[in-house]
Amino acid sequence: MNRMLIAGAAFAATATLGALCGPATASSTASTTTVSSSGEARPVADPAYKILKHLDYRGPGQASLRLGYYHASTDKGFGWTKVKNKHNITKYSAVEFIAKSPTREHIGGQSYRETGYAGKYTCSRGVCKLVKQYKVLLTVNEKKLRDNHDKGVITQYCVGIIRCPNWVTTALSKANSRSVAAAGPERYVGAYRPFAHSVRAADVKAAVSAKPAAVAGTSRYVGAYSKLS
């Protein structure tokens, strides 16, 4: 009798354990798959590949700006999260301005690199002198993914430093939007070629009227498709 009772208790314990383990396994599977209307299981889309914006682009079609990811510990990543968190470019429009650059080169496979510049001028008595400029590079991968859109923006950064100064984002985004803003005696300029070391303030003003630009107070954020002179 005792042997029968022990065997029965063991069987009940095994059944209970199976009942507890069963739903946990199903839940784990549900976190990585979904079930279609036809009952077919399929993988859940990786949120890193969510498209945040289709950017105007010098290459074919538009360039996808995907959410992406960035892991500082391994220095791995791509997309908007890497551009923003690693390189401190914080507006979509700053990325789009470089994406429209006529300076586009093939760097291997289906990857291309666009080039632009962000410059800072100090102006006094009608003359603006260049005090700092950064070459800005954008990498785009045109390979089509399962959603039938390109992988898109891989990274964008200022050459020579890891994190771009805040004014770089302002300069490029204002240049892209053709708006005008101002703040202090400095002018922040976005363009597709290196800047002249000295320009007349009137020439900067003309560039604002003729090309994508922005001015804030006495600071000007200017975009142009050729060198300011």
Protein backbone atom coordinates (compact mmCIF):
# COMPACT_ATOMS: atom_id res chain seq x y z
CA MET A 1 0.00 0.00 0.00
CA ASN A 2 2.76 2.42 0.97
CA ARG A 3 4.53 1.72 -2.32
CA MET A 4 1.34 2.57 -4.22
CA LEU A 5 0.91 5.81 -2.31
CA ILE A 6 4.52 6.85 -2.98
CA ALA A 7 4.19 6.06 -6.70
CA GLY A 8 0.95 8.02 -6.92
CA ALA A 9 2.52 11.05 -5.21
CA ALA A 10 5.50 10.96 -7.57
CA PHE A 11 3.19 10.85 -10.60
CA ALA A 12 1.16 13.81 -9.30
CA ALA A 13 4.34 15.83 -8.68
CA THR A 14 5.57 15.10 -12.21
CA ALA A 15 2.24 16.17 -13.71
CA THR A 16 2.24 19.39 -11.69
CA LEU A 17 5.79 20.20 -12.78
CA GLY A 18 4.83 19.59 -16.41
CA ALA A 19 1.85 21.89 -16.09
CA LEU A 20 4.04 24.64 -14.66
CA CYS A 21 6.76 24.25 -17.28
CA GLY A 22 4.40 24.00 -20.25
CA PRO A 23 3.02 27.57 -20.28
CA ALA A 24 6.47 29.05 -19.54
CA THR A 25 7.86 27.41 -22.67
CA ALA A 26 4.93 28.64 -24.75
CA SER A 27 5.38 32.18 -23.44
CA SER A 28 9.06 32.13 -24.31
CA THR A 29 8.23 31.07 -27.85
CA ALA A 30 5.54 33.73 -28.18
CA SER A 31 8.11 36.44 -27.45
CA THR A 32 10.02 35.55 -30.62
CA THR A 33 7.21 34.45 -32.96
CA THR A 34 3.74 35.50 -34.00
CA VAL A 35 0.96 33.50 -35.61
CA SER A 36 -0.47 34.70 -38.91
CA SER A 37 -4.18 34.55 -39.79
CA SER A 38 -3.50 31.25 -41.52
CA GLY A 39 -2.06 29.81 -38.31
CA GLU A 40 1.54 29.90 -39.56
CA ALA A 41 4.22 30.89 -37.01
CA ARG A 42 6.67 33.57 -38.14
CA PRO A 43 9.46 35.61 -36.50
CA VAL A 44 8.65 38.93 -34.84
CA ALA A 45 10.21 41.90 -36.67
CA ASP A 46 13.36 43.27 -35.05
CA PRO A 47 12.49 46.78 -33.75
CA ALA A 48 15.95 47.99 -34.77
CA TYR A 49 14.81 47.82 -38.40
CA LYS A 50 11.81 50.09 -37.92
CA ILE A 51 11.96 52.93 -40.48
CA LEU A 52 11.70 56.34 -38.82
CA LYS A 53 11.92 58.42 -42.00
CA HIS A 54 12.55 58.11 -45.72
CA LEU A 55 15.24 60.73 -46.45
CA ASP A 56 15.67 62.62 -49.69
CA TYR A 57 18.80 61.07 -51.16
CA ARG A 58 21.29 61.71 -53.94
CA GLY A 59 21.26 58.01 -54.85
CA PRO A 60 18.32 55.98 -56.20
CA GLY A 61 15.01 56.47 -54.44
CA GLN A 62 15.10 57.55 -50.81
CA ALA A 63 17.41 56.48 -47.99
CA SER A 64 15.79 54.73 -45.04
CA LEU A 65 16.62 56.07 -41.60
CA ARG A 66 16.00 53.08 -39.34
CA LEU A 67 15.87 53.08 -35.54
CA GLY A 68 18.96 50.87 -35.40
CA TYR A 69 20.90 50.32 -32.18
CA TYR A 70 24.20 51.17 -30.52
CA HIS A 71 26.13 49.22 -27.87
CA ALA A 72 28.89 51.38 -26.42
CA SER A 73 30.62 48.41 -24.78
CA THR A 74 31.27 46.76 -28.14
CA ASP A 75 31.06 49.89 -30.30
CA LYS A 76 28.60 48.08 -32.56
CA GLY A 77 25.48 49.47 -34.16
CA PHE A 78 23.87 51.31 -37.05
CA GLY A 79 21.08 53.72 -37.88
CA TRP A 80 19.57 56.60 -35.96
CA THR A 81 20.48 55.28 -32.51
CA LYS A 82 24.16 55.17 -33.43
CA VAL A 83 24.11 58.55 -35.18
CA LYS A 84 22.42 60.20 -32.20
CA ASN A 85 23.92 58.41 -29.21
CA LYS A 86 27.49 58.01 -30.41
CA HIS A 87 28.01 60.99 -32.72
CA ASN A 88 25.61 63.58 -31.24
CA ILE A 89 23.78 64.40 -34.48
CA THR A 90 20.30 64.84 -33.11
CA LYS A 91 17.92 65.84 -35.93
CA TYR A 92 16.70 63.84 -38.90
CA SER A 93 17.07 66.92 -41.09
CA ALA A 94 20.81 67.13 -40.31
CA VAL A 95 21.16 63.61 -41.68
CA GLU A 96 19.00 64.39 -44.70
CA PHE A 97 21.10 67.43 -45.66
CA ILE A 98 24.18 65.22 -46.06
CA ALA A 99 22.11 62.49 -47.77
CA LYS A 100 21.39 64.99 -50.55
CA SER A 101 25.07 65.78 -51.11
CA PRO A 102 26.29 65.65 -54.72
CA THR A 103 29.59 64.32 -53.38
CA ARG A 104 28.75 60.62 -53.36
CA GLU A 105 31.25 57.77 -53.65
CA HIS A 106 31.00 54.00 -53.80
CA ILE A 107 32.91 52.42 -50.89
CA GLY A 108 32.24 48.73 -51.57
CA GLY A 109 29.37 46.31 -52.04
CA GLN A 110 26.13 48.28 -51.94
CA SER A 111 27.49 50.95 -49.61
CA TYR A 112 27.97 54.62 -50.50
CA ARG A 113 29.40 57.60 -48.68
CA GLU A 114 28.08 61.17 -48.85
CA THR A 115 30.19 64.16 -47.85
CA GLY A 116 29.33 67.59 -46.45
CA TYR A 117 30.77 70.27 -44.19
CA ALA A 118 29.71 72.22 -41.12
CA GLY A 119 31.56 75.45 -40.44
CA LYS A 120 31.65 78.13 -37.76
CA TYR A 121 32.38 81.76 -38.68
CA THR A 122 32.92 84.73 -36.40
CA CYS A 123 31.71 87.96 -37.96
CA SER A 124 32.70 91.54 -37.25
CA ARG A 125 32.36 94.75 -39.27
CA GLY A 126 30.95 93.01 -42.28
CA VAL A 127 33.62 90.30 -42.49
CA CYS A 128 33.27 86.68 -41.36
CA LYS A 129 36.32 84.56 -40.54
CA LEU A 130 36.28 80.78 -40.37
CA VAL A 131 37.19 79.52 -36.90
CA LYS A 132 36.21 75.85 -37.23
CA GLN A 133 34.88 73.41 -39.77
CA TYR A 134 34.18 69.70 -39.73
CA LYS A 135 33.96 67.33 -42.63
CA VAL A 136 30.79 65.28 -42.12
CA LEU A 137 30.44 61.80 -43.60
CA LEU A 138 27.27 59.74 -44.04
CA THR A 139 27.27 56.05 -44.98
CA VAL A 140 24.23 54.49 -46.65
CA ASN A 141 23.73 50.82 -47.52
CA GLU A 142 21.39 50.41 -50.50
CA LYS A 143 20.84 46.66 -50.06
CA LYS A 144 17.13 45.81 -50.10
CA LEU A 145 15.86 44.00 -47.00
CA ARG A 146 12.77 41.82 -46.53
CA ASP A 147 10.52 44.87 -46.21
CA ASN A 148 11.61 45.86 -49.75
CA HIS A 149 13.40 49.00 -48.50
CA ASP A 150 17.11 49.66 -48.32
CA LYS A 151 19.00 49.04 -45.08
CA GLY A 152 19.68 52.75 -45.26
CA VAL A 153 21.75 54.95 -42.98
CA ILE A 154 24.57 53.13 -41.24
CA THR A 155 26.26 56.09 -39.57
CA GLN A 156 27.02 59.81 -39.81
CA TYR A 157 29.88 61.54 -38.02
CA CYS A 158 32.32 64.43 -37.90
CA VAL A 159 35.78 63.44 -39.10
CA GLY A 160 38.39 63.66 -36.36
CA ILE A 161 36.09 63.52 -33.33
CA ILE A 162 33.60 61.02 -31.92
CA ARG A 163 30.84 63.42 -30.84
CA CYS A 164 30.02 66.39 -33.05
CA PRO A 165 29.45 69.74 -31.31
CA ASN A 166 25.80 70.73 -30.97
CA TRP A 167 26.18 73.51 -33.53
CA VAL A 168 26.91 70.95 -36.27
CA THR A 169 23.36 69.59 -35.97
CA THR A 170 21.97 73.13 -35.98
CA ALA A 171 23.97 74.13 -39.05
CA LEU A 172 23.04 71.08 -41.11
CA SER A 173 19.38 70.93 -40.11
CA LYS A 174 18.83 74.64 -40.76
CA ALA A 175 20.60 74.30 -44.10
CA ASN A 176 18.25 71.45 -44.99
CA SER A 177 15.07 73.30 -44.02
CA ARG A 178 15.92 76.62 -45.69
CA SER A 179 14.96 78.42 -42.48
CA VAL A 180 16.62 81.39 -40.82
CA ALA A 181 17.72 81.82 -37.17
CA ALA A 182 20.24 83.90 -35.12
CA ALA A 183 22.31 83.99 -31.87
CA GLY A 184 25.45 86.04 -31.23
CA PRO A 185 28.32 87.01 -33.58
CA GLU A 186 28.88 83.50 -34.92
CA ARG A 187 27.58 82.00 -38.13
CA TYR A 188 27.16 78.25 -38.44
CA VAL A 189 27.26 77.04 -42.00
CA GLY A 190 26.35 73.80 -43.77
CA ALA A 191 27.63 73.14 -47.29
CA TYR A 192 28.89 70.41 -49.61
CA ARG A 193 32.38 71.81 -50.12
CA PRO A 194 35.06 73.19 -47.76
CA PHE A 195 34.58 76.78 -46.66
CA ALA A 196 36.62 79.86 -47.53
CA HIS A 197 38.69 81.18 -44.61
CA SER A 198 37.20 84.64 -44.92
CA VAL A 199 33.93 85.85 -46.49
CA ARG A 200 31.92 89.04 -46.48
CA ALA A 201 28.86 89.02 -44.29
CA ALA A 202 26.92 90.19 -47.35
CA ASP A 203 27.96 87.02 -49.18
CA VAL A 204 26.63 84.91 -46.33
CA LYS A 205 23.37 86.83 -46.50
CA ALA A 206 23.20 86.24 -50.25
CA ALA A 207 23.77 82.53 -49.68
CA VAL A 208 20.85 82.53 -47.26
CA SER A 209 18.59 83.88 -50.00
CA ALA A 210 19.92 81.68 -52.79
CA LYS A 211 20.53 78.36 -51.01
CA PRO A 212 19.18 76.32 -48.06
CA ALA A 213 20.02 78.42 -45.00
CA ALA A 214 19.16 79.57 -41.50
CA VAL A 215 19.93 82.63 -39.40
CA ALA A 216 19.39 83.20 -35.67
CA GLY A 217 20.07 86.68 -34.29
CA THR A 218 23.56 87.54 -35.49
CA SER A 219 24.45 83.87 -35.88
CA ARG A 220 23.74 82.37 -39.27
CA TYR A 221 23.31 78.73 -40.22
CA VAL A 222 23.83 78.47 -43.96
CA GLY A 223 23.68 75.60 -46.44
CA ALA A 224 25.04 75.81 -49.97
CA TYR A 225 25.84 73.47 -52.84
CA SER A 226 29.11 75.24 -53.60
CA LYS A 227 31.87 76.97 -51.65
CA LEU A 228 31.01 80.33 -50.12
CA SER A 229 33.37 83.04 -51.38
